[in-house]
């Protein structure tokens, strides 16, 4: 089964956290050695908050996120040069009701390296 692609509109408050995964070895004399941890060391985490969306759109997004069941999805976010695999991090999201037919869905996802297509 093909993995889903997530496409959404997000508010200007989209936050990206970037880093490099490294291994650290500390020695008793205060010396420290740092090296890249593995072949895929680029870490990206996005904190996403949708623009206000209707009840139907919020329910559809809730269903899509629930259907992932912890698996990855494809997405291309701000600062991405292509579509990458992402996984909810942690595996949860929030649905805030602002009033009649107005909702905001928020979640975080982290770039995921997986050999599956």
C-alpha atoms as a PDB file:
ATOM      1  CA  UNK A   1       0.000   0.000   0.000  1.00  0.00           C
ATOM      2  CA  UNK A   2       1.350   3.422  -0.956  1.00  0.00           C
ATOM      3  CA  UNK A   3       2.052   5.870   1.832  1.00  0.00           C
ATOM      4  CA  UNK A   4      -0.081   9.045   1.905  1.00  0.00           C
ATOM      5  CA  UNK A   5       1.070  12.542   1.018  1.00  0.00           C
ATOM      6  CA  UNK A   6       0.003  15.246   3.447  1.00  0.00           C
ATOM      7  CA  UNK A   7      -0.868  18.616   1.920  1.00  0.00           C
ATOM      8  CA  UNK A   8      -2.090  21.445   4.143  1.00  0.00           C
ATOM      9  CA  UNK A   9      -2.237  25.154   4.522  1.00  0.00           C
ATOM     10  CA  UNK A  10      -0.399  26.399   7.570  1.00  0.00           C
ATOM     11  CA  UNK A  11      -0.299  29.686   9.406  1.00  0.00           C
ATOM     12  CA  UNK A  12       2.750  31.905   9.293  1.00  0.00           C
ATOM     13  CA  UNK A  13       3.667  30.470  12.705  1.00  0.00           C
ATOM     14  CA  UNK A  14       5.100  27.265  11.227  1.00  0.00           C
ATOM     15  CA  UNK A  15       8.225  26.401  13.198  1.00  0.00           C
ATOM     16  CA  UNK A  16      11.107  24.301  11.915  1.00  0.00           C
ATOM     17  CA  UNK A  17      13.752  22.899  14.226  1.00  0.00           C
ATOM     18  CA  UNK A  18      16.898  21.666  12.519  1.00  0.00           C
ATOM     19  CA  UNK A  19      19.950  19.879  13.763  1.00  0.00           C
ATOM     20  CA  UNK A  20      22.513  17.201  13.090  1.00  0.00           C
ATOM     21  CA  UNK A  21      22.491  13.879  14.890  1.00  0.00           C
ATOM     22  CA  UNK A  22      25.893  13.280  16.487  1.00  0.00           C
ATOM     23  CA  UNK A  23      27.582  10.916  18.910  1.00  0.00           C
ATOM     24  CA  UNK A  24      29.509  12.340  21.821  1.00  0.00           C
ATOM     25  CA  UNK A  25      32.226  10.621  23.792  1.00  0.00           C
ATOM     26  CA  UNK A  26      33.360  12.403  26.926  1.00  0.00           C
ATOM     27  CA  UNK A  27      36.563  11.558  28.678  1.00  0.00           C
ATOM     28  CA  UNK A  28      37.346  12.107  32.341  1.00  0.00           C
ATOM     29  CA  UNK A  29      39.838  14.904  31.690  1.00  0.00           C
ATOM     30  CA  UNK A  30      37.189  17.157  30.082  1.00  0.00           C
ATOM     31  CA  UNK A  31      38.114  16.175  26.518  1.00  0.00           C
ATOM     32  CA  UNK A  32      35.161  15.459  24.234  1.00  0.00           C
ATOM     33  CA  UNK A  33      34.987  13.883  20.790  1.00  0.00           C
ATOM     34  CA  UNK A  34      31.973  14.511  18.517  1.00  0.00           C
ATOM     35  CA  UNK A  35      31.277  12.632  15.262  1.00  0.00           C
ATOM     36  CA  UNK A  36      28.248  12.370  12.924  1.00  0.00           C
ATOM     37  CA  UNK A  37      25.874   9.553  13.953  1.00  0.00           C
ATOM     38  CA  UNK A  38      25.182   7.444  10.868  1.00  0.00           C
ATOM     39  CA  UNK A  39      24.640   8.241   7.209  1.00  0.00           C
ATOM     40  CA  UNK A  40      21.439  10.293   7.570  1.00  0.00           C
ATOM     41  CA  UNK A  41      22.273  12.888  10.188  1.00  0.00           C
ATOM     42  CA  UNK A  42      20.004  15.760   9.051  1.00  0.00           C
ATOM     43  CA  UNK A  43      17.229  16.201  11.624  1.00  0.00           C
ATOM     44  CA  UNK A  44      14.159  18.333  10.847  1.00  0.00           C
ATOM     45  CA  UNK A  45      11.147  18.730  13.082  1.00  0.00           C
ATOM     46  CA  UNK A  46       8.157  20.867  12.131  1.00  0.00           C
ATOM     47  CA  UNK A  47       5.574  22.242  14.557  1.00  0.00           C
ATOM     48  CA  UNK A  48       2.453  22.737  12.454  1.00  0.00           C
ATOM     49  CA  UNK A  49      -0.719  24.668  13.170  1.00  0.00           C
ATOM     50  CA  UNK A  50      -3.413  24.839  10.495  1.00  0.00           C
ATOM     51  CA  UNK A  51      -5.284  27.970   9.581  1.00  0.00           C
ATOM     52  CA  UNK A  52      -8.863  27.878  10.896  1.00  0.00           C
ATOM     53  CA  UNK A  53     -10.612  25.081   9.008  1.00  0.00           C
ATOM     54  CA  UNK A  54     -14.185  23.799   8.841  1.00  0.00           C
ATOM     55  CA  UNK A  55     -15.556  20.889  10.856  1.00  0.00           C
ATOM     56  CA  UNK A  56     -15.477  18.666   7.753  1.00  0.00           C
ATOM     57  CA  UNK A  57     -11.833  19.563   6.977  1.00  0.00           C
ATOM     58  CA  UNK A  58     -10.794  19.046  10.606  1.00  0.00           C
ATOM     59  CA  UNK A  59     -12.532  15.652  10.706  1.00  0.00           C
ATOM     60  CA  UNK A  60     -10.840  14.619   7.440  1.00  0.00           C
ATOM     61  CA  UNK A  61      -7.398  15.662   8.747  1.00  0.00           C
ATOM     62  CA  UNK A  62      -8.081  13.896  12.055  1.00  0.00           C
ATOM     63  CA  UNK A  63      -9.029  10.735  10.128  1.00  0.00           C
ATOM     64  CA  UNK A  64      -5.881  10.994   7.961  1.00  0.00           C
ATOM     65  CA  UNK A  65      -3.588  11.413  10.974  1.00  0.00           C
ATOM     66  CA  UNK A  66      -5.310   8.567  12.799  1.00  0.00           C
ATOM     67  CA  UNK A  67      -5.009   6.275   9.766  1.00  0.00           C
ATOM     68  CA  UNK A  68      -1.216   6.664   9.828  1.00  0.00           C
ATOM     69  CA  UNK A  69      -1.122   4.469  12.945  1.00  0.00           C
ATOM     70  CA  UNK A  70       2.409   5.639  13.675  1.00  0.00           C
ATOM     71  CA  UNK A  71       3.688   5.119  10.123  1.00  0.00           C
ATOM     72  CA  UNK A  72       5.286   7.777   7.909  1.00  0.00           C
ATOM     73  CA  UNK A  73       3.771  10.106   5.315  1.00  0.00           C
ATOM     74  CA  UNK A  74       5.227  12.214   2.515  1.00  0.00           C
ATOM     75  CA  UNK A  75       5.224  16.011   2.746  1.00  0.00           C
ATOM     76  CA  UNK A  76       7.110  19.038   1.486  1.00  0.00           C
ATOM     77  CA  UNK A  77       7.286  21.824   4.030  1.00  0.00           C
ATOM     78  CA  UNK A  78       8.894  25.245   4.058  1.00  0.00           C
ATOM     79  CA  UNK A  79      12.689  24.879   3.641  1.00  0.00           C
ATOM     80  CA  UNK A  80      12.303  21.440   1.999  1.00  0.00           C
ATOM     81  CA  UNK A  81      13.641  21.189  -1.544  1.00  0.00           C
ATOM     82  CA  UNK A  82      11.646  17.995  -2.251  1.00  0.00           C
ATOM     83  CA  UNK A  83       9.115  15.675  -0.669  1.00  0.00           C
ATOM     84  CA  UNK A  84      10.483  13.776   2.303  1.00  0.00           C
ATOM     85  CA  UNK A  85       9.189  11.133   4.670  1.00  0.00           C
ATOM     86  CA  UNK A  86       7.892  12.417   7.983  1.00  0.00           C
ATOM     87  CA  UNK A  87       6.429  10.767  11.061  1.00  0.00           C
ATOM     88  CA  UNK A  88       4.305  12.381  13.785  1.00  0.00           C
ATOM     89  CA  UNK A  89       6.543  13.199  16.729  1.00  0.00           C
ATOM     90  CA  UNK A  90       5.289  12.255  19.205  1.00  0.00           C
ATOM     91  CA  UNK A  91       2.478  10.226  17.663  1.00  0.00           C
ATOM     92  CA  UNK A  92      -0.255  12.706  18.670  1.00  0.00           C
ATOM     93  CA  UNK A  93      -2.078  15.834  17.526  1.00  0.00           C
ATOM     94  CA  UNK A  94      -4.554  18.320  18.955  1.00  0.00           C
ATOM     95  CA  UNK A  95      -7.882  19.565  17.617  1.00  0.00           C
ATOM     96  CA  UNK A  96      -9.014  22.924  18.978  1.00  0.00           C
ATOM     97  CA  UNK A  97     -12.590  24.090  18.363  1.00  0.00           C
ATOM     98  CA  UNK A  98     -12.715  27.881  18.017  1.00  0.00           C
ATOM     99  CA  UNK A  99     -16.457  28.085  17.591  1.00  0.00           C
ATOM    100  CA  UNK A 100     -19.100  27.094  15.064  1.00  0.00           C
ATOM    101  CA  UNK A 101     -17.399  25.405  12.093  1.00  0.00           C
ATOM    102  CA  UNK A 102     -13.944  26.804  12.962  1.00  0.00           C
ATOM    103  CA  UNK A 103     -11.125  24.520  14.145  1.00  0.00           C
ATOM    104  CA  UNK A 104      -7.353  24.431  14.382  1.00  0.00           C
ATOM    105  CA  UNK A 105      -5.403  21.180  14.220  1.00  0.00           C
ATOM    106  CA  UNK A 106      -1.828  21.177  15.573  1.00  0.00           C
ATOM    107  CA  UNK A 107       0.898  18.554  15.501  1.00  0.00           C
ATOM    108  CA  UNK A 108       4.644  18.040  15.194  1.00  0.00           C
ATOM    109  CA  UNK A 109       6.432  15.779  12.777  1.00  0.00           C
ATOM    110  CA  UNK A 110      10.041  14.737  12.316  1.00  0.00           C
ATOM    111  CA  UNK A 111      11.874  13.783   9.134  1.00  0.00           C
ATOM    112  CA  UNK A 112      12.092  10.020   8.944  1.00  0.00           C
ATOM    113  CA  UNK A 113      14.558   7.823   7.068  1.00  0.00           C
ATOM    114  CA  UNK A 114      12.973   4.595   5.825  1.00  0.00           C
ATOM    115  CA  UNK A 115      13.991   2.375   2.894  1.00  0.00           C
ATOM    116  CA  UNK A 116      10.373   1.617   1.970  1.00  0.00           C
ATOM    117  CA  UNK A 117       8.789   3.496  -0.914  1.00  0.00           C
END
